[in-house]
Amino acid sequence: MAETCSERSRSNCPVKRDAEETAKLGGETLKAMRRLRRRMRYCPECADYDDCPVLAEFHAMVDQVIQEIQEEWGLR
């Protein structure tokens, strides 16, 4: 029978390191997204804004990532 987390010290938890690293990367991603949002403030002033392929591709990528996370973690 496998040991439970309560039976071992939390410092030996096999998930802890990965969870901490994931949280760190998530924080870095959030910072990058905020930087991008600030830069995108100027997009509406661009002549190509309404048909911008860069924005369309970016939004499609973000939508795909969000869908995958929701499906894999049962967040729907």
Protein backbone atom coordinates (compact mmCIF):
# COMPACT_ATOMS: atom_id res chain seq x y z
CA MET A 1 0.00 0.00 0.00
CA ALA A 2 1.32 3.43 -0.94
CA GLU A 3 2.27 5.98 1.65
CA THR A 4 -0.02 8.99 1.99
CA CYS A 5 1.18 12.57 2.19
CA SER A 6 0.15 12.77 5.84
CA GLU A 7 2.43 9.78 6.60
CA ARG A 8 5.56 11.43 5.23
CA SER A 9 7.05 14.85 5.60
CA ARG A 10 5.78 17.41 3.13
CA SER A 11 9.37 18.14 2.12
CA ASN A 12 9.53 14.61 0.65
CA CYS A 13 6.34 14.98 -1.35
CA PRO A 14 7.00 13.92 -4.96
CA VAL A 15 4.53 16.52 -6.27
CA LYS A 16 5.71 19.52 -4.25
CA ARG A 17 8.72 20.46 -6.42
CA ASP A 18 6.70 20.21 -9.64
CA ALA A 19 3.82 22.19 -8.13
CA GLU A 20 6.18 24.95 -7.00
CA GLU A 21 7.91 25.08 -10.39
CA THR A 22 4.55 25.21 -12.18
CA ALA A 23 3.40 28.05 -9.94
CA LYS A 24 6.66 29.93 -10.62
CA LEU A 25 6.29 29.49 -14.38
CA GLY A 26 2.65 30.55 -14.15
CA GLY A 27 3.71 33.75 -12.42
CA GLU A 28 6.28 34.45 -15.12
CA THR A 29 3.66 33.82 -17.80
CA LEU A 30 1.28 36.22 -16.08
CA LYS A 31 3.97 38.93 -16.06
CA ALA A 32 4.68 38.36 -19.76
CA MET A 33 0.96 38.54 -20.57
CA ARG A 34 0.67 41.84 -18.68
CA ARG A 35 3.64 43.26 -20.61
CA LEU A 36 2.05 42.15 -23.86
CA ARG A 37 -1.29 43.71 -22.90
CA ARG A 38 0.45 47.05 -22.23
CA ARG A 39 2.14 46.91 -25.63
CA MET A 40 -1.14 45.98 -27.31
CA ARG A 41 -2.73 49.25 -26.11
CA TYR A 42 -1.38 50.80 -29.29
CA CYS A 43 -2.94 48.22 -31.59
CA PRO A 44 -6.25 50.10 -32.10
CA GLU A 45 -4.24 52.97 -33.60
CA CYS A 46 -2.75 50.66 -36.24
CA ALA A 47 -4.24 50.84 -39.73
CA ASP A 48 -4.30 47.02 -39.87
CA TYR A 49 -6.03 46.60 -36.50
CA ASP A 50 -9.37 45.29 -37.79
CA ASP A 51 -7.76 42.59 -39.94
CA CYS A 52 -4.51 42.03 -38.06
CA PRO A 53 -3.17 38.51 -38.64
CA VAL A 54 -0.81 38.79 -35.65
CA LEU A 55 -3.65 39.50 -33.23
CA ALA A 56 -5.87 36.84 -34.78
CA GLU A 57 -3.13 34.21 -34.46
CA PHE A 58 -2.30 35.24 -30.91
CA HIS A 59 -5.94 35.11 -29.80
CA ALA A 60 -6.34 31.67 -31.41
CA MET A 61 -3.25 30.38 -29.57
CA VAL A 62 -4.48 31.72 -26.22
CA ASP A 63 -7.94 30.23 -26.78
CA GLN A 64 -6.37 26.84 -27.59
CA VAL A 65 -4.20 26.85 -24.46
CA ILE A 66 -7.16 27.80 -22.26
CA GLN A 67 -9.28 25.03 -23.78
CA GLU A 68 -6.55 22.44 -23.23
CA ILE A 69 -6.07 23.44 -19.60
CA GLN A 70 -9.81 23.38 -18.95
CA GLU A 71 -10.17 19.93 -20.51
CA GLU A 72 -7.14 18.38 -18.83
CA TRP A 73 -8.01 19.70 -15.38
CA GLY A 74 -11.79 19.22 -15.64
CA LEU A 75 -12.51 22.94 -15.24
CA ARG A 76 -15.57 23.08 -17.47
